[in-house]
Amino acid sequence: MVIYWIASYFIGNLLTAWWIGKWKGIDLRKERSGNLGARNAGAVIGKTAFVLTFLGDAAKGALVVGLGHYGGFNEWVIAIGGLLVICGHLFPLWLKGRGGKGIATFIGVSLLTTPSLFLVMFLVFGTFFPILKSATLTMLTSFSAFIIAVSLTGQLSVLWPLILAIILILIKHQNDLRESFEKRFAKL
């Protein structure tokens, strides 16, 4: 179990954007937001980089959950593995803690850990994005729906690590959230 958790963190350290940037001869840590995630990769390198980074980061989250199921671990153990892969993405040891912001990795983890709650989050995103017209604000709404759904289904004792992961992701997004709120409410 401990080996699984350690492996989960180090799998999270495999930052797709870093590798794509390396392949293209670009250090994404020095471009635009400096973030090693899909949004920055897409903004700097292009749509293909966005898609590849998103898929790669989601896949590592899904991989950790799949390994946990393959190992026959309890759901709470797998949920902690999910938290740790996200922590590895957010705070990679080899890059001195300068990683991505965790959305794609969370999607990979939540899709395989709790498909029904992922669906709630996905439907809320699809419903509110046309209204809010901001991926960042819609993400906040979707995460809120996920947390409420976890609470209502009585899975808090098992899925608390994913709620902690959401909190860490929101902390990493605090500047984006502030900016999105300012833009949204400046129009009112």
C-alpha atoms as a PDB file:
ATOM      1  CA  MET A   1       0.000   0.000   0.000  1.00  0.00           C
ATOM      2  CA  VAL A   2       2.745   2.499   0.907  1.00  0.00           C
ATOM      3  CA  ILE A   3       4.683   1.555  -2.244  1.00  0.00           C
ATOM      4  CA  TYR A   4       1.503   2.198  -4.249  1.00  0.00           C
ATOM      5  CA  TRP A   5       1.164   5.650  -2.681  1.00  0.00           C
ATOM      6  CA  ILE A   6       4.824   6.530  -3.313  1.00  0.00           C
ATOM      7  CA  ALA A   7       4.514   5.318  -6.915  1.00  0.00           C
ATOM      8  CA  SER A   8       1.344   7.416  -7.311  1.00  0.00           C
ATOM      9  CA  TYR A   9       3.183  10.593  -6.321  1.00  0.00           C
ATOM     10  CA  PHE A  10       6.067   9.867  -8.711  1.00  0.00           C
ATOM     11  CA  ILE A  11       3.699   9.021 -11.584  1.00  0.00           C
ATOM     12  CA  GLY A  12       2.234  12.476 -10.982  1.00  0.00           C
ATOM     13  CA  ASN A  13       5.726  13.912 -11.475  1.00  0.00           C
ATOM     14  CA  LEU A  14       5.579  12.902 -15.159  1.00  0.00           C
ATOM     15  CA  LEU A  15       4.423  16.230 -16.587  1.00  0.00           C
ATOM     16  CA  THR A  16       3.208  15.843 -20.148  1.00  0.00           C
ATOM     17  CA  ALA A  17       3.611  19.561 -20.906  1.00  0.00           C
ATOM     18  CA  TRP A  18       7.257  19.473 -19.890  1.00  0.00           C
ATOM     19  CA  TRP A  19       7.958  16.608 -22.314  1.00  0.00           C
ATOM     20  CA  ILE A  20       5.993  18.207 -25.153  1.00  0.00           C
ATOM     21  CA  GLY A  21       7.810  21.488 -24.550  1.00  0.00           C
ATOM     22  CA  LYS A  22      11.145  19.655 -24.557  1.00  0.00           C
ATOM     23  CA  TRP A  23      10.186  17.975 -27.838  1.00  0.00           C
ATOM     24  CA  LYS A  24       9.400  21.396 -29.350  1.00  0.00           C
ATOM     25  CA  GLY A  25      12.482  23.034 -27.815  1.00  0.00           C
ATOM     26  CA  ILE A  26      10.410  25.250 -25.497  1.00  0.00           C
ATOM     27  CA  ASP A  27      10.639  25.542 -21.714  1.00  0.00           C
ATOM     28  CA  LEU A  28       6.998  26.185 -20.838  1.00  0.00           C
ATOM     29  CA  ARG A  29       8.051  27.283 -17.346  1.00  0.00           C
ATOM     30  CA  LYS A  30       9.422  30.439 -19.013  1.00  0.00           C
ATOM     31  CA  GLU A  31       6.435  31.092 -21.285  1.00  0.00           C
ATOM     32  CA  ARG A  32       3.175  32.943 -20.496  1.00  0.00           C
ATOM     33  CA  SER A  33       1.837  31.603 -17.159  1.00  0.00           C
ATOM     34  CA  GLY A  34       4.869  29.356 -16.595  1.00  0.00           C
ATOM     35  CA  ASN A  35       2.447  26.541 -15.793  1.00  0.00           C
ATOM     36  CA  LEU A  36       3.162  23.000 -16.965  1.00  0.00           C
ATOM     37  CA  GLY A  37      -0.404  22.177 -17.890  1.00  0.00           C
ATOM     38  CA  ALA A  38      -2.637  21.833 -20.927  1.00  0.00           C
ATOM     39  CA  ARG A  39      -3.831  25.446 -21.043  1.00  0.00           C
ATOM     40  CA  ASN A  40      -0.334  26.922 -21.129  1.00  0.00           C
ATOM     41  CA  ALA A  41       0.935  24.257 -23.540  1.00  0.00           C
ATOM     42  CA  GLY A  42      -1.973  25.038 -25.860  1.00  0.00           C
ATOM     43  CA  ALA A  43      -1.482  28.807 -25.607  1.00  0.00           C
ATOM     44  CA  VAL A  44       2.247  28.593 -26.346  1.00  0.00           C
ATOM     45  CA  ILE A  45       2.561  25.630 -28.709  1.00  0.00           C
ATOM     46  CA  GLY A  46      -0.938  25.104 -30.134  1.00  0.00           C
ATOM     47  CA  LYS A  47      -4.104  22.996 -30.002  1.00  0.00           C
ATOM     48  CA  THR A  48      -2.305  19.691 -30.530  1.00  0.00           C
ATOM     49  CA  ALA A  49      -0.107  20.400 -27.506  1.00  0.00           C
ATOM     50  CA  PHE A  50      -3.225  21.210 -25.468  1.00  0.00           C
ATOM     51  CA  VAL A  51      -4.920  17.941 -26.438  1.00  0.00           C
ATOM     52  CA  LEU A  52      -1.795  15.797 -25.924  1.00  0.00           C
ATOM     53  CA  THR A  53      -1.052  17.405 -22.564  1.00  0.00           C
ATOM     54  CA  PHE A  54      -4.646  17.072 -21.383  1.00  0.00           C
ATOM     55  CA  LEU A  55      -4.809  13.411 -22.423  1.00  0.00           C
ATOM     56  CA  GLY A  56      -1.389  12.597 -20.957  1.00  0.00           C
ATOM     57  CA  ASP A  57      -2.160  14.235 -17.619  1.00  0.00           C
ATOM     58  CA  ALA A  58      -5.628  12.639 -17.421  1.00  0.00           C
ATOM     59  CA  ALA A  59      -4.116   9.262 -18.341  1.00  0.00           C
ATOM     60  CA  LYS A  60      -1.661   9.313 -15.444  1.00  0.00           C
ATOM     61  CA  GLY A  61      -4.551   9.949 -13.038  1.00  0.00           C
ATOM     62  CA  ALA A  62      -6.497   7.083 -14.582  1.00  0.00           C
ATOM     63  CA  LEU A  63      -3.381   4.876 -14.511  1.00  0.00           C
ATOM     64  CA  VAL A  64      -2.968   5.309 -10.765  1.00  0.00           C
ATOM     65  CA  VAL A  65      -6.617   4.390 -10.139  1.00  0.00           C
ATOM     66  CA  GLY A  66      -6.308   1.419 -12.506  1.00  0.00           C
ATOM     67  CA  LEU A  67      -3.175   0.218 -10.710  1.00  0.00           C
ATOM     68  CA  GLY A  68      -5.016   0.497  -7.398  1.00  0.00           C
ATOM     69  CA  HIS A  69      -7.894  -1.629  -8.701  1.00  0.00           C
ATOM     70  CA  TYR A  70      -5.452  -4.117 -10.220  1.00  0.00           C
ATOM     71  CA  GLY A  71      -3.676  -4.336  -6.853  1.00  0.00           C
ATOM     72  CA  GLY A  72      -7.010  -5.042  -5.145  1.00  0.00           C
ATOM     73  CA  PHE A  73      -6.772  -2.049  -2.809  1.00  0.00           C
ATOM     74  CA  ASN A  74      -9.747  -0.604  -0.923  1.00  0.00           C
ATOM     75  CA  GLU A  75     -11.401   2.481  -2.396  1.00  0.00           C
ATOM     76  CA  TRP A  76     -10.014   4.779   0.313  1.00  0.00           C
ATOM     77  CA  VAL A  77      -6.473   3.584  -0.477  1.00  0.00           C
ATOM     78  CA  ILE A  78      -7.074   4.274  -4.176  1.00  0.00           C
ATOM     79  CA  ALA A  79      -8.542   7.703  -3.360  1.00  0.00           C
ATOM     80  CA  ILE A  80      -5.348   8.569  -1.461  1.00  0.00           C
ATOM     81  CA  GLY A  81      -3.390   7.332  -4.499  1.00  0.00           C
ATOM     82  CA  GLY A  82      -5.498   9.743  -6.579  1.00  0.00           C
ATOM     83  CA  LEU A  83      -4.666  12.599  -4.227  1.00  0.00           C
ATOM     84  CA  LEU A  84      -0.970  11.739  -4.415  1.00  0.00           C
ATOM     85  CA  VAL A  85      -0.821  11.579  -8.214  1.00  0.00           C
ATOM     86  CA  ILE A  86      -2.434  15.029  -8.254  1.00  0.00           C
ATOM     87  CA  CYS A  87       0.077  16.259  -5.639  1.00  0.00           C
ATOM     88  CA  GLY A  88       2.881  14.892  -7.818  1.00  0.00           C
ATOM     89  CA  HIS A  89       1.488  16.876 -10.739  1.00  0.00           C
ATOM     90  CA  LEU A  90       1.022  20.067  -8.712  1.00  0.00           C
ATOM     91  CA  PHE A  91       4.306  19.817  -6.805  1.00  0.00           C
ATOM     92  CA  PRO A  92       6.812  17.692  -8.758  1.00  0.00           C
ATOM     93  CA  LEU A  93       9.920  16.990  -6.713  1.00  0.00           C
ATOM     94  CA  TRP A  94      12.332  17.185  -9.651  1.00  0.00           C
ATOM     95  CA  LEU A  95      11.006  20.589 -10.764  1.00  0.00           C
ATOM     96  CA  LYS A  96      11.135  22.134  -7.272  1.00  0.00           C
ATOM     97  CA  GLY A  97       7.349  22.076  -6.902  1.00  0.00           C
ATOM     98  CA  ARG A  98       6.572  23.964 -10.132  1.00  0.00           C
ATOM     99  CA  GLY A  99       4.114  21.738 -11.943  1.00  0.00           C
ATOM    100  CA  GLY A 100       0.686  22.034 -13.468  1.00  0.00           C
ATOM    101  CA  LYS A 101      -2.634  22.991 -11.920  1.00  0.00           C
ATOM    102  CA  GLY A 102      -4.169  19.518 -11.724  1.00  0.00           C
ATOM    103  CA  ILE A 103      -7.470  19.703 -13.607  1.00  0.00           C
ATOM    104  CA  ALA A 104      -6.731  17.027 -16.225  1.00  0.00           C
ATOM    105  CA  THR A 105      -5.177  14.705 -13.648  1.00  0.00           C
ATOM    106  CA  PHE A 106      -8.224  15.151 -11.393  1.00  0.00           C
ATOM    107  CA  ILE A 107     -10.468  14.314 -14.343  1.00  0.00           C
ATOM    108  CA  GLY A 108      -8.566  11.066 -14.942  1.00  0.00           C
ATOM    109  CA  VAL A 109      -8.731  10.151 -11.251  1.00  0.00           C
ATOM    110  CA  SER A 110     -12.398  11.013 -10.747  1.00  0.00           C
ATOM    111  CA  LEU A 111     -13.548   9.367 -13.984  1.00  0.00           C
ATOM    112  CA  LEU A 112     -12.196   5.995 -12.885  1.00  0.00           C
ATOM    113  CA  THR A 113     -12.786   6.355  -9.137  1.00  0.00           C
ATOM    114  CA  THR A 114     -16.390   7.601  -9.216  1.00  0.00           C
ATOM    115  CA  PRO A 115     -17.847   7.607 -12.748  1.00  0.00           C
ATOM    116  CA  SER A 116     -21.311   8.696 -11.545  1.00  0.00           C
ATOM    117  CA  LEU A 117     -19.934  11.673  -9.584  1.00  0.00           C
ATOM    118  CA  PHE A 118     -17.670  12.539 -12.503  1.00  0.00           C
ATOM    119  CA  LEU A 119     -20.803  12.603 -14.657  1.00  0.00           C
ATOM    120  CA  VAL A 120     -22.434  15.067 -12.228  1.00  0.00           C
ATOM    121  CA  MET A 121     -19.364  17.292 -12.468  1.00  0.00           C
ATOM    122  CA  PHE A 122     -19.325  16.996 -16.276  1.00  0.00           C
ATOM    123  CA  LEU A 123     -23.046  17.823 -16.607  1.00  0.00           C
ATOM    124  CA  VAL A 124     -22.729  20.835 -14.305  1.00  0.00           C
ATOM    125  CA  PHE A 125     -19.776  22.065 -16.383  1.00  0.00           C
ATOM    126  CA  GLY A 126     -21.763  21.618 -19.602  1.00  0.00           C
ATOM    127  CA  THR A 127     -24.757  23.435 -18.120  1.00  0.00           C
ATOM    128  CA  PHE A 128     -22.946  26.411 -16.599  1.00  0.00           C
ATOM    129  CA  PHE A 129     -20.212  27.079 -19.161  1.00  0.00           C
ATOM    130  CA  PRO A 130     -22.585  28.761 -21.661  1.00  0.00           C
ATOM    131  CA  ILE A 131     -23.929  30.925 -18.812  1.00  0.00           C
ATOM    132  CA  LEU A 132     -20.667  31.866 -17.105  1.00  0.00           C
ATOM    133  CA  LYS A 133     -18.536  31.892 -20.280  1.00  0.00           C
ATOM    134  CA  SER A 134     -15.454  31.188 -18.176  1.00  0.00           C
ATOM    135  CA  ALA A 135     -13.809  27.781 -17.865  1.00  0.00           C
ATOM    136  CA  THR A 136     -12.299  28.828 -14.526  1.00  0.00           C
ATOM    137  CA  LEU A 137     -15.598  29.905 -12.927  1.00  0.00           C
ATOM    138  CA  THR A 138     -17.391  26.894 -14.393  1.00  0.00           C
ATOM    139  CA  MET A 139     -14.678  24.644 -12.928  1.00  0.00           C
ATOM    140  CA  LEU A 140     -15.413  26.157  -9.512  1.00  0.00           C
ATOM    141  CA  THR A 141     -19.120  25.379  -9.981  1.00  0.00           C
ATOM    142  CA  SER A 142     -18.360  21.828 -11.154  1.00  0.00           C
ATOM    143  CA  PHE A 143     -16.074  21.153  -8.204  1.00  0.00           C
ATOM    144  CA  SER A 144     -18.745  22.465  -5.831  1.00  0.00           C
ATOM    145  CA  ALA A 145     -21.257  20.070  -7.400  1.00  0.00           C
ATOM    146  CA  PHE A 146     -18.783  17.193  -7.012  1.00  0.00           C
ATOM    147  CA  ILE A 147     -18.284  17.972  -3.309  1.00  0.00           C
ATOM    148  CA  ILE A 148     -22.039  18.243  -2.711  1.00  0.00           C
ATOM    149  CA  ALA A 149     -22.597  14.955  -4.568  1.00  0.00           C
ATOM    150  CA  VAL A 150     -19.918  13.224  -2.472  1.00  0.00           C
ATOM    151  CA  SER A 151     -21.629  14.464   0.696  1.00  0.00           C
ATOM    152  CA  LEU A 152     -25.148  13.529  -0.440  1.00  0.00           C
ATOM    153  CA  THR A 153     -24.116  10.008  -1.450  1.00  0.00           C
ATOM    154  CA  GLY A 154     -22.468   9.369   1.926  1.00  0.00           C
ATOM    155  CA  GLN A 155     -19.052   8.724   0.378  1.00  0.00           C
ATOM    156  CA  LEU A 156     -17.167  11.405   2.293  1.00  0.00           C
ATOM    157  CA  SER A 157     -15.343   8.854   4.469  1.00  0.00           C
ATOM    158  CA  VAL A 158     -13.912   7.228   1.336  1.00  0.00           C
ATOM    159  CA  LEU A 159     -13.541  10.187  -1.040  1.00  0.00           C
ATOM    160  CA  TRP A 160     -12.189  12.855   1.321  1.00  0.00           C
ATOM    161  CA  PRO A 161      -8.797  12.695  -0.475  1.00  0.00           C
ATOM    162  CA  LEU A 162     -10.453  13.887  -3.693  1.00  0.00           C
ATOM    163  CA  ILE A 163     -12.015  16.821  -1.856  1.00  0.00           C
ATOM    164  CA  LEU A 164      -8.575  17.682  -0.478  1.00  0.00           C
ATOM    165  CA  ALA A 165      -7.258  17.453  -4.061  1.00  0.00           C
ATOM    166  CA  ILE A 166      -9.957  19.934  -5.174  1.00  0.00           C
ATOM    167  CA  ILE A 167      -8.874  22.353  -2.439  1.00  0.00           C
ATOM    168  CA  LEU A 168      -5.235  22.116  -3.575  1.00  0.00           C
ATOM    169  CA  ILE A 169      -6.256  22.629  -7.216  1.00  0.00           C
ATOM    170  CA  LEU A 170      -8.306  25.698  -6.264  1.00  0.00           C
ATOM    171  CA  ILE A 171      -5.347  27.106  -4.331  1.00  0.00           C
ATOM    172  CA  LYS A 172      -3.192  26.654  -7.456  1.00  0.00           C
ATOM    173  CA  HIS A 173      -5.918  28.459  -9.434  1.00  0.00           C
ATOM    174  CA  GLN A 174      -6.388  31.348  -6.998  1.00  0.00           C
ATOM    175  CA  ASN A 175      -4.955  33.974  -9.375  1.00  0.00           C
ATOM    176  CA  ASP A 176      -7.069  32.655 -12.261  1.00  0.00           C
ATOM    177  CA  LEU A 177     -10.171  32.667 -10.053  1.00  0.00           C
ATOM    178  CA  ARG A 178      -9.525  36.216  -8.872  1.00  0.00           C
ATOM    179  CA  GLU A 179      -9.002  37.376 -12.451  1.00  0.00           C
ATOM    180  CA  SER A 180     -12.163  35.591 -13.652  1.00  0.00           C
ATOM    181  CA  PHE A 181     -14.265  37.076 -10.845  1.00  0.00           C
ATOM    182  CA  GLU A 182     -12.948  40.568 -11.590  1.00  0.00           C
ATOM    183  CA  LYS A 183     -13.719  40.227 -15.296  1.00  0.00           C
ATOM    184  CA  ARG A 184     -17.160  38.756 -14.648  1.00  0.00           C
ATOM    185  CA  PHE A 185     -18.267  41.322 -12.096  1.00  0.00           C
ATOM    186  CA  ALA A 186     -16.698  44.263 -13.950  1.00  0.00           C
ATOM    187  CA  LYS A 187     -19.299  43.644 -16.670  1.00  0.00           C
ATOM    188  CA  LEU A 188     -22.236  43.925 -14.232  1.00  0.00           C
END
